[in-house]
N, C-alpha and C. Protein backbone atom coordinates (compact mmCIF):
# COMPACT_ATOMS: atom_id res chain seq x y z
N PHE A 1 32.44 50.41 71.26
CA PHE A 1 31.72 49.92 70.15
C PHE A 1 32.09 49.56 68.79
N LYS A 2 33.16 50.11 68.33
CA LYS A 2 33.78 49.76 67.28
C LYS A 2 34.65 48.32 67.34
N HIS A 3 35.11 48.14 68.69
CA HIS A 3 35.66 46.90 68.89
C HIS A 3 34.60 45.84 68.86
N TYR A 4 33.53 46.09 69.60
CA TYR A 4 32.68 44.82 69.54
C TYR A 4 32.01 44.52 68.17
N TRP A 5 31.88 45.60 67.44
CA TRP A 5 31.23 45.18 65.96
C TRP A 5 32.46 44.48 65.17
N LEU A 6 33.64 44.77 65.27
CA LEU A 6 34.64 44.24 64.67
C LEU A 6 34.74 42.59 65.07
N LYS A 7 34.64 42.33 66.39
CA LYS A 7 34.57 41.03 67.02
C LYS A 7 33.69 40.08 66.49
N SER A 8 32.50 41.05 66.26
CA SER A 8 31.14 40.07 65.97
C SER A 8 31.18 39.77 64.38
N VAL A 9 31.77 40.86 63.60
CA VAL A 9 31.85 40.57 62.11
C VAL A 9 32.98 39.55 61.88
N ARG A 10 34.17 39.44 62.55
CA ARG A 10 35.21 38.39 62.43
C ARG A 10 34.70 36.94 62.82
N ALA A 11 33.79 36.68 63.73
CA ALA A 11 33.45 35.45 64.07
C ALA A 11 32.74 34.81 62.87
N PRO A 12 33.39 33.45 63.24
CA PRO A 12 33.00 32.55 62.10
C PRO A 12 31.54 32.11 61.63
N GLY A 13 30.68 32.18 62.50
CA GLY A 13 29.33 32.16 62.29
C GLY A 13 28.71 33.22 61.88
N TYR A 14 29.17 34.60 61.73
CA TYR A 14 28.57 35.80 61.42
C TYR A 14 28.18 35.53 59.90
N TYR A 15 29.01 35.18 58.97
CA TYR A 15 28.72 35.32 57.59
C TYR A 15 27.76 34.09 57.30
N LYS A 16 27.73 32.88 58.04
CA LYS A 16 26.83 31.79 57.56
C LYS A 16 25.48 32.13 57.99
N ASN A 17 25.30 32.94 59.21
CA ASN A 17 24.00 33.57 59.71
C ASN A 17 23.55 34.59 58.83
N LEU A 18 24.40 35.21 58.12
CA LEU A 18 24.07 36.31 57.32
C LEU A 18 23.53 35.75 56.16
N ILE A 19 24.13 34.86 55.48
CA ILE A 19 23.75 34.16 54.22
C ILE A 19 22.39 33.64 54.46
N VAL A 20 22.13 32.96 55.81
CA VAL A 20 20.89 32.35 55.97
C VAL A 20 19.76 33.52 55.93
N ASN A 21 19.95 34.53 56.66
CA ASN A 21 19.29 35.76 56.96
C ASN A 21 18.79 36.24 55.57
N ILE A 22 19.96 36.53 54.81
CA ILE A 22 19.67 37.17 53.40
C ILE A 22 18.54 35.97 52.65
N PHE A 23 18.81 34.75 52.72
CA PHE A 23 17.96 33.64 51.82
C PHE A 23 16.75 33.65 52.46
N VAL A 24 16.47 33.81 53.76
CA VAL A 24 15.07 33.79 54.29
C VAL A 24 14.35 35.09 53.97
N GLY A 25 15.18 36.25 54.03
CA GLY A 25 14.35 37.54 53.56
C GLY A 25 13.82 37.72 52.28
N LEU A 26 14.76 36.94 51.28
CA LEU A 26 14.41 37.01 49.84
C LEU A 26 13.29 36.08 49.49
N SER A 27 13.34 35.06 50.34
CA SER A 27 12.26 33.95 50.20
C SER A 27 10.88 34.68 50.77
N ALA A 28 11.03 35.34 51.71
CA ALA A 28 9.77 35.99 52.27
C ALA A 28 9.37 37.12 51.48
N VAL A 29 10.27 37.91 50.68
CA VAL A 29 9.84 38.86 49.68
C VAL A 29 9.18 38.17 48.38
N TYR A 30 9.69 37.04 48.01
CA TYR A 30 9.17 36.43 46.92
C TYR A 30 7.86 35.97 47.32
N PHE A 31 7.30 35.30 48.30
CA PHE A 31 5.99 34.92 48.53
C PHE A 31 5.20 35.98 48.93
N LEU A 32 5.80 37.13 49.27
CA LEU A 32 4.79 38.18 49.71
C LEU A 32 4.42 38.57 48.22
N VAL A 33 5.16 38.99 47.33
CA VAL A 33 4.97 39.48 46.02
C VAL A 33 4.03 38.52 45.19
N ILE A 34 4.34 37.14 45.42
CA ILE A 34 3.34 36.27 44.63
C ILE A 34 1.71 36.22 45.28
N PHE A 35 2.16 36.36 46.50
CA PHE A 35 0.58 36.30 47.22
C PHE A 35 -0.26 37.57 46.84
N VAL A 36 0.55 38.82 46.83
CA VAL A 36 -0.22 40.12 46.37
C VAL A 36 -0.66 40.03 45.03
N LEU A 37 0.28 39.47 44.31
CA LEU A 37 -0.04 39.58 42.81
C LEU A 37 -1.31 38.59 42.60
N LEU A 38 -1.33 37.41 43.11
CA LEU A 38 -2.29 36.36 43.19
C LEU A 38 -3.84 37.19 43.72
N GLY A 39 -3.66 37.98 44.70
CA GLY A 39 -4.80 38.74 45.33
C GLY A 39 -5.36 39.64 44.38
N PHE A 40 -4.48 40.32 43.48
CA PHE A 40 -5.10 41.24 42.65
C PHE A 40 -5.49 40.60 41.29
N MET A 41 -5.05 39.28 40.90
CA MET A 41 -5.47 38.62 39.75
C MET A 41 -6.53 37.71 40.05
N MET A 42 -6.73 37.41 41.28
CA MET A 42 -7.81 36.11 41.57
C MET A 42 -9.13 36.53 40.88
N PRO A 43 -9.69 37.90 41.09
CA PRO A 43 -11.01 37.92 40.36
C PRO A 43 -11.00 37.82 38.77
N ARG A 44 -9.90 38.13 38.05
CA ARG A 44 -9.93 37.76 36.78
C ARG A 44 -9.74 36.40 36.20
N ILE A 45 -9.01 35.64 37.21
CA ILE A 45 -8.67 34.16 37.12
C ILE A 45 -10.04 33.67 37.32
N LEU A 46 -10.72 33.84 38.19
CA LEU A 46 -11.91 33.16 38.58
C LEU A 46 -13.04 33.64 37.55
N ALA A 47 -13.26 34.71 36.98
CA ALA A 47 -14.24 35.27 36.02
C ALA A 47 -13.76 34.39 34.70
N GLU A 48 -12.58 34.01 34.37
CA GLU A 48 -12.36 33.35 33.43
C GLU A 48 -12.68 31.72 33.41
N ALA A 49 -12.44 31.26 34.82
CA ALA A 49 -12.86 29.85 34.99
C ALA A 49 -14.50 29.64 34.99
N ALA A 50 -15.18 30.74 35.55
CA ALA A 50 -16.39 30.37 35.51
C ALA A 50 -17.24 31.67 35.09
N PRO A 51 -17.37 31.79 33.83
CA PRO A 51 -17.82 33.25 33.32
C PRO A 51 -19.22 33.69 33.57
N LYS A 52 -20.13 32.69 34.04
CA LYS A 52 -21.55 33.01 34.27
C LYS A 52 -21.53 33.22 35.66
N LEU A 53 -20.71 33.05 36.68
CA LEU A 53 -20.87 33.23 37.99
C LEU A 53 -20.13 34.49 38.60
N ASP A 54 -20.32 34.75 39.89
CA ASP A 54 -19.92 36.02 40.37
C ASP A 54 -18.54 35.47 41.08
N PRO A 55 -17.47 36.04 40.65
CA PRO A 55 -16.25 35.75 41.43
C PRO A 55 -16.20 35.51 42.83
N ALA A 56 -16.83 36.20 43.62
CA ALA A 56 -16.92 36.18 45.10
C ALA A 56 -17.69 34.98 45.28
N LEU A 57 -18.70 34.52 44.74
CA LEU A 57 -19.46 33.32 45.05
C LEU A 57 -18.64 32.08 44.68
N THR A 58 -17.82 32.26 43.54
CA THR A 58 -17.09 30.98 43.10
C THR A 58 -15.98 30.95 44.26
N PHE A 59 -15.27 32.00 44.52
CA PHE A 59 -14.14 31.83 45.46
C PHE A 59 -14.65 31.26 47.06
N ASN A 60 -15.81 31.83 47.36
CA ASN A 60 -16.43 31.26 48.65
C ASN A 60 -16.89 30.06 48.45
N GLY A 61 -17.16 29.41 47.28
CA GLY A 61 -17.67 28.09 46.89
C GLY A 61 -16.52 27.15 47.06
N ILE A 62 -15.27 27.63 46.58
CA ILE A 62 -14.18 26.69 46.72
C ILE A 62 -13.50 26.78 48.11
N LEU A 63 -13.95 27.68 48.97
CA LEU A 63 -13.35 27.66 50.14
C LEU A 63 -14.17 26.57 51.00
N MET A 64 -15.41 26.49 50.65
CA MET A 64 -16.19 25.35 51.22
C MET A 64 -15.53 24.01 51.04
N TYR A 65 -14.94 23.74 49.91
CA TYR A 65 -14.46 22.27 49.78
C TYR A 65 -12.79 22.33 50.34
N VAL A 66 -11.95 23.42 50.48
CA VAL A 66 -10.75 23.41 50.90
C VAL A 66 -10.79 23.18 52.56
N THR A 67 -11.82 23.98 53.09
CA THR A 67 -11.79 23.73 54.66
C THR A 67 -12.65 22.83 54.91
């Protein structure tokens, strides 16, 4: 098992794939955090944008135009 591991680590494509995988993983974590924070902050953002309307109705009204 150790020999197989060392052979795969010494392969020239290993580090290139490792860097790409790290970049993709960090990008996924970044977008996950952004979407989670946006989900928590959306009611406040909508309440400031349209103070007299219910945030849920405002969000659903926006969805009508997006789709």
